[in-house]
PDB file of all heavy atoms in Angstrom:
ATOM      1  N   GLU A   1      33.080   2.898   2.473  1.00  0.00           N
ATOM      2  CA  GLU A   1      34.043   3.067   1.387  1.00  0.00           C
ATOM      3  C   GLU A   1      35.341   2.312   1.672  1.00  0.00           C
ATOM      4  O   GLU A   1      35.892   1.623   0.795  1.00  0.00           O
ATOM      5  CB  GLU A   1      34.342   4.563   1.159  1.00  0.00           C
ATOM      6  CG  GLU A   1      33.161   5.356   0.632  1.00  0.00           C
ATOM      7  CD  GLU A   1      32.133   5.696   1.716  1.00  0.00           C
ATOM      8  OE1 GLU A   1      32.483   5.740   2.918  1.00  0.00           O
ATOM      9  OE2 GLU A   1      30.964   5.872   1.353  1.00  0.00           O
ATOM     10  N   ILE A   2      35.833   2.430   2.894  1.00  0.00           N
ATOM     11  CA  ILE A   2      37.069   1.734   3.256  1.00  0.00           C
ATOM     12  C   ILE A   2      36.844   0.221   3.255  1.00  0.00           C
ATOM     13  O   ILE A   2      37.676  -0.538   2.750  1.00  0.00           O
ATOM     14  CB  ILE A   2      37.603   2.230   4.622  1.00  0.00           C
ATOM     15  CG1 ILE A   2      38.038   3.693   4.516  1.00  0.00           C
ATOM     16  CG2 ILE A   2      38.760   1.353   5.110  1.00  0.00           C
ATOM     17  CD1 ILE A   2      38.437   4.321   5.838  1.00  0.00           C
ATOM     18  N   ALA A   3      35.721  -0.224   3.779  1.00  0.00           N
ATOM     19  CA  ALA A   3      35.424  -1.659   3.817  1.00  0.00           C
ATOM     20  C   ALA A   3      35.363  -2.233   2.401  1.00  0.00           C
ATOM     21  O   ALA A   3      35.867  -3.338   2.155  1.00  0.00           O
ATOM     22  CB  ALA A   3      34.113  -1.907   4.553  1.00  0.00           C
ATOM     23  N   VAL A   4      34.767  -1.494   1.460  1.00  0.00           N
ATOM     24  CA  VAL A   4      34.697  -1.957   0.066  1.00  0.00           C
ATOM     25  C   VAL A   4      36.106  -2.011  -0.526  1.00  0.00           C
ATOM     26  O   VAL A   4      36.488  -2.985  -1.176  1.00  0.00           O
ATOM     27  CB  VAL A   4      33.761  -1.042  -0.763  1.00  0.00           C
ATOM     28  CG1 VAL A   4      33.888  -1.322  -2.248  1.00  0.00           C
ATOM     29  CG2 VAL A   4      32.319  -1.216  -0.312  1.00  0.00           C
ATOM     30  N   ALA A   5      36.890  -0.950  -0.317  1.00  0.00           N
ATOM     31  CA  ALA A   5      38.260  -0.908  -0.865  1.00  0.00           C
ATOM     32  C   ALA A   5      39.111  -2.049  -0.336  1.00  0.00           C
ATOM     33  O   ALA A   5      39.940  -2.602  -1.059  1.00  0.00           O
ATOM     34  CB  ALA A   5      38.914   0.431  -0.539  1.00  0.00           C
ATOM     35  N   CYS A   6      38.875  -2.439   0.920  1.00  0.00           N
ATOM     36  CA  CYS A   6      39.670  -3.493   1.539  1.00  0.00           C
ATOM     37  C   CYS A   6      38.984  -4.854   1.476  1.00  0.00           C
ATOM     38  O   CYS A   6      39.447  -5.816   2.109  1.00  0.00           O
ATOM     39  CB  CYS A   6      39.982  -3.115   2.991  1.00  0.00           C
ATOM     40  SG  CYS A   6      40.986  -1.620   3.095  1.00  0.00           S
ATOM     41  N   GLN A   7      37.878  -4.925   0.748  1.00  0.00           N
ATOM     42  CA  GLN A   7      37.106  -6.163   0.574  1.00  0.00           C
ATOM     43  C   GLN A   7      36.748  -6.806   1.912  1.00  0.00           C
ATOM     44  O   GLN A   7      36.876  -8.004   2.110  1.00  0.00           O
ATOM     45  CB  GLN A   7      37.859  -7.134  -0.328  1.00  0.00           C
ATOM     46  CG  GLN A   7      38.100  -6.581  -1.712  1.00  0.00           C
ATOM     47  CD  GLN A   7      38.835  -7.547  -2.613  1.00  0.00           C
ATOM     48  OE1 GLN A   7      38.933  -8.734  -2.320  1.00  0.00           O
ATOM     49  NE2 GLN A   7      39.339  -7.047  -3.729  1.00  0.00           N
ATOM     50  N   ALA A   8      36.302  -5.983   2.852  1.00  0.00           N
ATOM     51  CA  ALA A   8      35.998  -6.477   4.199  1.00  0.00           C
ATOM     52  C   ALA A   8      34.544  -6.209   4.605  1.00  0.00           C
ATOM     53  O   ALA A   8      34.186  -6.416   5.755  1.00  0.00           O
ATOM     54  CB  ALA A   8      36.938  -5.832   5.201  1.00  0.00           C
ATOM     55  N   GLU A   9      33.686  -5.769   3.675  1.00  0.00           N
ATOM     56  CA  GLU A   9      32.333  -5.379   4.080  1.00  0.00           C
ATOM     57  C   GLU A   9      31.524  -6.514   4.711  1.00  0.00           C
ATOM     58  O   GLU A   9      30.712  -6.278   5.599  1.00  0.00           O
ATOM     59  CB  GLU A   9      31.562  -4.697   2.949  1.00  0.00           C
ATOM     60  CG  GLU A   9      31.367  -5.503   1.684  1.00  0.00           C
ATOM     61  CD  GLU A   9      32.337  -5.200   0.580  1.00  0.00           C
ATOM     62  OE1 GLU A   9      33.483  -5.671   0.657  1.00  0.00           O
ATOM     63  OE2 GLU A   9      31.944  -4.534  -0.385  1.00  0.00           O
ATOM     64  N   SER A  10      31.764  -7.765   4.307  1.00  0.00           N
ATOM     65  CA  SER A  10      31.019  -8.890   4.896  1.00  0.00           C
ATOM     66  C   SER A  10      31.421  -9.130   6.351  1.00  0.00           C
ATOM     67  O   SER A  10      30.703  -9.770   7.104  1.00  0.00           O
ATOM     68  CB  SER A  10      31.220 -10.157   4.078  1.00  0.00           C
ATOM     69  OG  SER A  10      32.579 -10.558   4.131  1.00  0.00           O
ATOM     70  N   ARG A  11      32.564  -8.604   6.761  1.00  0.00           N
ATOM     71  CA  ARG A  11      33.040  -8.795   8.134  1.00  0.00           C
ATOM     72  C   ARG A  11      32.747  -7.598   9.025  1.00  0.00           C
ATOM     73  O   ARG A  11      33.107  -7.593  10.191  1.00  0.00           O
ATOM     74  CB  ARG A  11      34.540  -9.063   8.119  1.00  0.00           C
ATOM     75  CG  ARG A  11      34.874 -10.406   7.513  1.00  0.00           C
ATOM     76  CD  ARG A  11      36.344 -10.484   7.194  1.00  0.00           C
ATOM     77  NE  ARG A  11      36.688 -11.719   6.541  1.00  0.00           N
ATOM     78  CZ  ARG A  11      36.456 -11.971   5.261  1.00  0.00           C
ATOM     79  NH1 ARG A  11      35.857 -11.094   4.509  1.00  0.00           N
ATOM     80  NH2 ARG A  11      36.811 -13.112   4.727  1.00  0.00           N
ATOM     81  N   CYS A  12      32.145  -6.571   8.470  1.00  0.00           N
ATOM     82  CA  CYS A  12      31.894  -5.332   9.229  1.00  0.00           C
ATOM     83  C   CYS A  12      30.431  -5.263   9.649  1.00  0.00           C
ATOM     84  O   CYS A  12      29.589  -4.702   8.938  1.00  0.00           O
ATOM     85  CB  CYS A  12      32.277  -4.117   8.393  1.00  0.00           C
ATOM     86  SG  CYS A  12      34.020  -4.071   7.939  1.00  0.00           S
ATOM     87  N   ALA A  13      30.113  -5.814  10.793  1.00  0.00           N
ATOM     88  CA  ALA A  13      28.733  -5.842  11.281  1.00  0.00           C
ATOM     89  C   ALA A  13      28.196  -4.456  11.611  1.00  0.00           C
ATOM     90  O   ALA A  13      26.988  -4.229  11.600  1.00  0.00           O
ATOM     91  CB  ALA A  13      28.631  -6.737  12.511  1.00  0.00           C
ATOM     92  N   ASN A  14      29.090  -3.505  11.875  1.00  0.00           N
ATOM     93  CA  ASN A  14      28.639  -2.173  12.276  1.00  0.00           C
ATOM     94  C   ASN A  14      28.168  -1.323  11.101  1.00  0.00           C
ATOM     95  O   ASN A  14      27.547  -0.279  11.296  1.00  0.00           O
ATOM     96  CB  ASN A  14      29.761  -1.434  13.011  1.00  0.00           C
ATOM     97  CG  ASN A  14      30.960  -1.166  12.110  1.00  0.00           C
ATOM     98  OD1 ASN A  14      31.348  -2.037  11.334  1.00  0.00           O
ATOM     99  ND2 ASN A  14      31.546   0.009  12.231  1.00  0.00           N
ATOM    100  N   LEU A  15      28.437  -1.750   9.873  1.00  0.00           N
ATOM    101  CA  LEU A  15      28.021  -0.960   8.712  1.00  0.00           C
ATOM    102  C   LEU A  15      26.549  -1.220   8.417  1.00  0.00           C
ATOM    103  O   LEU A  15      26.106  -2.372   8.377  1.00  0.00           O
ATOM    104  CB  LEU A  15      28.863  -1.314   7.486  1.00  0.00           C
ATOM    105  CG  LEU A  15      30.347  -0.987   7.577  1.00  0.00           C
ATOM    106  CD1 LEU A  15      31.061  -1.441   6.317  1.00  0.00           C
ATOM    107  CD2 LEU A  15      30.562   0.496   7.806  1.00  0.00           C
ATOM    108  N   SER A  16      25.812  -0.166   8.203  1.00  0.00           N
ATOM    109  CA  SER A  16      24.393  -0.347   7.898  1.00  0.00           C
ATOM    110  C   SER A  16      24.249  -0.853   6.478  1.00  0.00           C
ATOM    111  O   SER A  16      25.013  -0.520   5.591  1.00  0.00           O
ATOM    112  CB  SER A  16      23.640   0.978   8.079  1.00  0.00           C
ATOM    113  OG  SER A  16      24.157   1.928   7.178  1.00  0.00           O
ATOM    114  N   ARG A  17      23.258  -1.653   6.286  1.00  0.00           N
ATOM    115  CA  ARG A  17      22.961  -2.202   4.963  1.00  0.00           C
ATOM    116  C   ARG A  17      22.126  -1.187   4.194  1.00  0.00           C
ATOM    117  O   ARG A  17      21.432  -0.369   4.799  1.00  0.00           O
ATOM    118  CB  ARG A  17      22.189  -3.525   5.097  1.00  0.00           C
ATOM    119  CG  ARG A  17      22.903  -4.562   5.951  1.00  0.00           C
ATOM    120  CD  ARG A  17      24.136  -5.095   5.215  1.00  0.00           C
ATOM    121  NE  ARG A  17      24.828  -6.078   6.030  1.00  0.00           N
ATOM    122  CZ  ARG A  17      26.085  -5.976   6.388  1.00  0.00           C
ATOM    123  NH1 ARG A  17      26.784  -4.931   6.060  1.00  0.00           N
ATOM    124  NH2 ARG A  17      26.655  -6.904   7.099  1.00  0.00           N
ATOM    125  N   PRO A  18      22.126  -1.251   2.871  1.00  0.00           N
ATOM    126  CA  PRO A  18      21.278  -0.344   2.106  1.00  0.00           C
ATOM    127  C   PRO A  18      19.812  -0.510   2.532  1.00  0.00           C
ATOM    128  O   PRO A  18      19.334  -1.622   2.714  1.00  0.00           O
ATOM    129  CB  PRO A  18      21.477  -0.800   0.659  1.00  0.00           C
ATOM    130  CG  PRO A  18      22.750  -1.577   0.653  1.00  0.00           C
ATOM    131  CD  PRO A  18      22.900  -2.138   2.047  1.00  0.00           C
ATOM    132  N   ALA A  19      19.138   0.598   2.726  1.00  0.00           N
ATOM    133  CA  ALA A  19      17.767   0.566   3.213  1.00  0.00           C
ATOM    134  C   ALA A  19      16.803   0.157   2.101  1.00  0.00           C
ATOM    135  O   ALA A  19      16.960   0.545   0.952  1.00  0.00           O
ATOM    136  CB  ALA A  19      17.379   1.948   3.745  1.00  0.00           C
ATOM    137  N   ALA A  20      15.817  -0.622   2.477  1.00  0.00           N
ATOM    138  CA  ALA A  20      14.740  -0.972   1.556  1.00  0.00           C
ATOM    139  C   ALA A  20      13.793   0.216   1.489  1.00  0.00           C
ATOM    140  O   ALA A  20      13.733   1.028   2.420  1.00  0.00           O
ATOM    141  CB  ALA A  20      14.012  -2.202   2.068  1.00  0.00           C
ATOM    142  N   PRO A  21      13.050   0.334   0.410  1.00  0.00           N
ATOM    143  CA  PRO A  21      12.086   1.439   0.356  1.00  0.00           C
ATOM    144  C   PRO A  21      11.031   1.255   1.453  1.00  0.00           C
ATOM    145  O   PRO A  21      10.756   0.127   1.876  1.00  0.00           O
ATOM    146  CB  PRO A  21      11.461   1.314  -1.035  1.00  0.00           C
ATOM    147  CG  PRO A  21      11.813  -0.043  -1.526  1.00  0.00           C
ATOM    148  CD  PRO A  21      13.020  -0.499  -0.772  1.00  0.00           C
ATOM    149  N   PRO A  22      10.443   2.347   1.923  1.00  0.00           N
ATOM    150  CA  PRO A  22       9.450   2.215   2.995  1.00  0.00           C
ATOM    151  C   PRO A  22       8.201   1.479   2.521  1.00  0.00           C
ATOM    152  O   PRO A  22       7.862   1.500   1.340  1.00  0.00           O
ATOM    153  CB  PRO A  22       9.116   3.668   3.351  1.00  0.00           C
ATOM    154  CG  PRO A  22       9.476   4.455   2.141  1.00  0.00           C
ATOM    155  CD  PRO A  22      10.610   3.731   1.485  1.00  0.00           C
ATOM    156  N   VAL A  23       7.543   0.836   3.451  1.00  0.00           N
ATOM    157  CA  VAL A  23       6.247   0.216   3.175  1.00  0.00           C
ATOM    158  C   VAL A  23       5.246   1.355   3.021  1.00  0.00           C
ATOM    159  O   VAL A  23       5.164   2.247   3.865  1.00  0.00           O
ATOM    160  CB  VAL A  23       5.825  -0.721   4.320  1.00  0.00           C
ATOM    161  CG1 VAL A  23       4.409  -1.217   4.141  1.00  0.00           C
ATOM    162  CG2 VAL A  23       6.804  -1.872   4.441  1.00  0.00           C
ATOM    163  N   GLU A  24       4.496   1.352   1.917  1.00  0.00           N
ATOM    164  CA  GLU A  24       3.493   2.387   1.652  1.00  0.00           C
ATOM    165  C   GLU A  24       2.152   1.887   2.167  1.00  0.00           C
ATOM    166  O   GLU A  24       1.701   0.814   1.780  1.00  0.00           O
ATOM    167  CB  GLU A  24       3.393   2.657   0.147  1.00  0.00           C
ATOM    168  CG  GLU A  24       4.683   3.085  -0.508  1.00  0.00           C
ATOM    169  CD  GLU A  24       4.969   4.564  -0.329  1.00  0.00           C
ATOM    170  OE1 GLU A  24       4.018   5.330  -0.111  1.00  0.00           O
ATOM    171  OE2 GLU A  24       6.149   4.936  -0.407  1.00  0.00           O
ATOM    172  N   LEU A  25       1.523   2.649   3.042  1.00  0.00           N
ATOM    173  CA  LEU A  25       0.230   2.264   3.605  1.00  0.00           C
ATOM    174  C   LEU A  25      -0.727   3.441   3.483  1.00  0.00           C
ATOM    175  O   LEU A  25      -0.399   4.553   3.900  1.00  0.00           O
ATOM    176  CB  LEU A  25       0.394   1.876   5.076  1.00  0.00           C
ATOM    177  CG  LEU A  25      -0.886   1.423   5.746  1.00  0.00           C
ATOM    178  CD1 LEU A  25      -0.633   0.115   6.467  1.00  0.00           C
ATOM    179  CD2 LEU A  25      -1.380   2.466   6.712  1.00  0.00           C
ATOM    180  N   SER A  26      -1.891   3.208   2.880  1.00  0.00           N
ATOM    181  CA  SER A  26      -2.940   4.232   2.808  1.00  0.00           C
ATOM    182  C   SER A  26      -4.123   3.727   3.615  1.00  0.00           C
ATOM    183  O   SER A  26      -4.598   2.613   3.384  1.00  0.00           O
ATOM    184  CB  SER A  26      -3.372   4.474   1.357  1.00  0.00           C
ATOM    185  OG  SER A  26      -2.307   5.023   0.616  1.00  0.00           O
ATOM    186  N   LEU A  27      -4.584   4.548   4.545  1.00  0.00           N
ATOM    187  CA  LEU A  27      -5.727   4.183   5.365  1.00  0.00           C
ATOM    188  C   LEU A  27      -6.899   5.096   5.024  1.00  0.00           C
ATOM    189  O   LEU A  27      -6.853   6.296   5.268  1.00  0.00           O
ATOM    190  CB  LEU A  27      -5.389   4.309   6.861  1.00  0.00           C
ATOM    191  CG  LEU A  27      -6.547   4.020   7.820  1.00  0.00           C
ATOM    192  CD1 LEU A  27      -7.002   2.566   7.700  1.00  0.00           C
ATOM    193  CD2 LEU A  27      -6.160   4.346   9.251  1.00  0.00           C
ATOM    194  N   TYR A  28      -7.920   4.530   4.412  1.00  0.00           N
ATOM    195  CA  TYR A  28      -9.169   5.234   4.157  1.00  0.00           C
ATOM    196  C   TYR A  28     -10.068   4.915   5.348  1.00  0.00           C
ATOM    197  O   TYR A  28     -10.393   3.755   5.577  1.00  0.00           O
ATOM    198  CB  TYR A  28      -9.804   4.751   2.851  1.00  0.00           C
ATOM    199  CG  TYR A  28      -9.035   5.210   1.637  1.00  0.00           C
ATOM    200  CD1 TYR A  28      -7.817   4.626   1.287  1.00  0.00           C
ATOM    201  CD2 TYR A  28      -9.519   6.240   0.851  1.00  0.00           C
ATOM    202  CE1 TYR A  28      -7.102   5.056   0.196  1.00  0.00           C
ATOM    203  CE2 TYR A  28      -8.819   6.675  -0.263  1.00  0.00           C
ATOM    204  CZ  TYR A  28      -7.610   6.078  -0.583  1.00  0.00           C
ATOM    205  OH  TYR A  28      -6.908   6.518  -1.679  1.00  0.00           O
ATOM    206  N   TYR A  29     -10.413   5.919   6.125  1.00  0.00           N
ATOM    207  CA  TYR A  29     -11.124   5.671   7.368  1.00  0.00           C
ATOM    208  C   TYR A  29     -12.241   6.697   7.553  1.00  0.00           C
ATOM    209  O   TYR A  29     -12.337   7.671   6.825  1.00  0.00           O
ATOM    210  CB  TYR A  29     -10.150   5.702   8.549  1.00  0.00           C
ATOM    211  CG  TYR A  29      -9.565   7.071   8.839  1.00  0.00           C
ATOM    212  CD1 TYR A  29     -10.058   7.863   9.871  1.00  0.00           C
ATOM    213  CD2 TYR A  29      -8.522   7.578   8.077  1.00  0.00           C
ATOM    214  CE1 TYR A  29      -9.528   9.110  10.133  1.00  0.00           C
ATOM    215  CE2 TYR A  29      -7.983   8.818   8.332  1.00  0.00           C
ATOM    216  CZ  TYR A  29      -8.491   9.591   9.362  1.00  0.00           C
ATOM    217  OH  TYR A  29      -7.965  10.832   9.621  1.00  0.00           O
ATOM    218  N   GLU A  30     -13.060   6.451   8.562  1.00  0.00           N
ATOM    219  CA  GLU A  30     -14.146   7.350   8.932  1.00  0.00           C
ATOM    220  C   GLU A  30     -13.877   7.830  10.347  1.00  0.00           C
ATOM    221  O   GLU A  30     -13.521   7.046  11.220  1.00  0.00           O
ATOM    222  CB  GLU A  30     -15.478   6.602   8.882  1.00  0.00           C
ATOM    223  CG  GLU A  30     -15.759   5.969   7.538  1.00  0.00           C
ATOM    224  CD  GLU A  30     -16.818   4.892   7.625  1.00  0.00           C
ATOM    225  OE1 GLU A  30     -17.084   4.362   8.730  1.00  0.00           O
ATOM    226  OE2 GLU A  30     -17.389   4.575   6.590  1.00  0.00           O
ATOM    227  N   SER A  31     -14.081   9.107  10.591  1.00  0.00           N
ATOM    228  CA  SER A  31     -13.714   9.679  11.889  1.00  0.00           C
ATOM    229  C   SER A  31     -14.567   9.167  13.055  1.00  0.00           C
ATOM    230  O   SER A  31     -14.135   9.265  14.189  1.00  0.00           O
ATOM    231  CB  SER A  31     -13.771  11.210  11.830  1.00  0.00           C
ATOM    232  OG  SER A  31     -15.082  11.657  11.630  1.00  0.00           O
ATOM    233  N   LEU A  32     -15.728   8.632  12.796  1.00  0.00           N
ATOM    234  CA  LEU A  32     -16.555   8.101  13.898  1.00  0.00           C
ATOM    235  C   LEU A  32     -16.784   6.597  13.818  1.00  0.00           C
ATOM    236  O   LEU A  32     -17.568   6.049  14.581  1.00  0.00           O
ATOM    237  CB  LEU A  32     -17.923   8.806  13.940  1.00  0.00           C
ATOM    238  CG  LEU A  32     -17.920  10.226  14.476  1.00  0.00           C
ATOM    239  CD1 LEU A  32     -19.340  10.779  14.517  1.00  0.00           C
ATOM    240  CD2 LEU A  32     -17.299  10.311  15.851  1.00  0.00           C
ATOM    241  N   CYS A  33     -16.097   5.923  12.921  1.00  0.00           N
ATOM    242  CA  CYS A  33     -16.248   4.469  12.801  1.00  0.00           C
ATOM    243  C   CYS A  33     -15.475   3.801  13.931  1.00  0.00           C
ATOM    244  O   CYS A  33     -14.256   3.988  14.055  1.00  0.00           O
ATOM    245  CB  CYS A  33     -15.715   4.008  11.449  1.00  0.00           C
ATOM    246  SG  CYS A  33     -15.617   2.207  11.289  1.00  0.00           S
ATOM    247  N   PRO A  34     -16.141   3.024  14.779  1.00  0.00           N
ATOM    248  CA  PRO A  34     -15.449   2.398  15.918  1.00  0.00           C
ATOM    249  C   PRO A  34     -14.269   1.511  15.499  1.00  0.00           C
ATOM    250  O   PRO A  34     -13.214   1.557  16.120  1.00  0.00           O
ATOM    251  CB  PRO A  34     -16.542   1.574  16.597  1.00  0.00           C
ATOM    252  CG  PRO A  34     -17.825   2.217  16.180  1.00  0.00           C
ATOM    253  CD  PRO A  34     -17.587   2.763  14.802  1.00  0.00           C
ATOM    254  N   ALA A  35     -14.420   0.721  14.447  1.00  0.00           N
ATOM    255  CA  ALA A  35     -13.328  -0.161  14.013  1.00  0.00           C
ATOM    256  C   ALA A  35     -12.156   0.648  13.456  1.00  0.00           C
ATOM    257  O   ALA A  35     -10.998   0.336  13.734  1.00  0.00           O
ATOM    258  CB  ALA A  35     -13.840  -1.162  12.976  1.00  0.00           C
ATOM    259  N   CYS A  36     -12.456   1.680  12.679  1.00  0.00           N
ATOM    260  CA  CYS A  36     -11.387   2.542  12.133  1.00  0.00           C
ATOM    261  C   CYS A  36     -10.623   3.216  13.261  1.00  0.00           C
ATOM    262  O   CYS A  36      -9.397   3.271  13.261  1.00  0.00           O
ATOM    263  CB  CYS A  36     -11.975   3.617  11.214  1.00  0.00           C
ATOM    264  SG  CYS A  36     -12.736   2.993   9.712  1.00  0.00           S
ATOM    265  N   ARG A  37     -11.363   3.741  14.227  1.00  0.00           N
ATOM    266  CA  ARG A  37     -10.734   4.450  15.342  1.00  0.00           C
ATOM    267  C   ARG A  37      -9.869   3.498  16.168  1.00  0.00           C
ATOM    268  O   ARG A  37      -8.769   3.849  16.568  1.00  0.00           O
ATOM    269  CB  ARG A  37     -11.808   5.090  16.209  1.00  0.00           C
ATOM    270  CG  ARG A  37     -12.598   6.141  15.424  1.00  0.00           C
ATOM    271  CD  ARG A  37     -13.734   6.668  16.190  1.00  0.00           C
ATOM    272  NE  ARG A  37     -13.185   7.768  16.978  1.00  0.00           N
ATOM    273  CZ  ARG A  37     -13.812   8.336  17.964  1.00  0.00           C
ATOM    274  NH1 ARG A  37     -15.001   7.919  18.320  1.00  0.00           N
ATOM    275  NH2 ARG A  37     -13.264   9.334  18.614  1.00  0.00           N
ATOM    276  N   MET A  38     -10.371   2.307  16.413  1.00  0.00           N
ATOM    277  CA  MET A  38      -9.608   1.335  17.193  1.00  0.00           C
ATOM    278  C   MET A  38      -8.308   0.984  16.460  1.00  0.00           C
ATOM    279  O   MET A  38      -7.234   0.942  17.071  1.00  0.00           O
ATOM    280  CB  MET A  38     -10.425   0.075  17.454  1.00  0.00           C
ATOM    281  CG  MET A  38      -9.728  -0.916  18.360  1.00  0.00           C
ATOM    282  SD  MET A  38     -10.740  -2.335  18.790  1.00  0.00           S
ATOM    283  CE  MET A  38     -10.689  -3.249  17.271  1.00  0.00           C
TER     284      MET A  38
END
């Protein structure tokens, strides 16, 4: 908030950037399939 008010956000390396949404991964697997297990 202070960095934005003072127009200094590009100079503040310690501020975290807005997070991207998580990568969505669905794994359809078989409990005894060697490749799935590996």
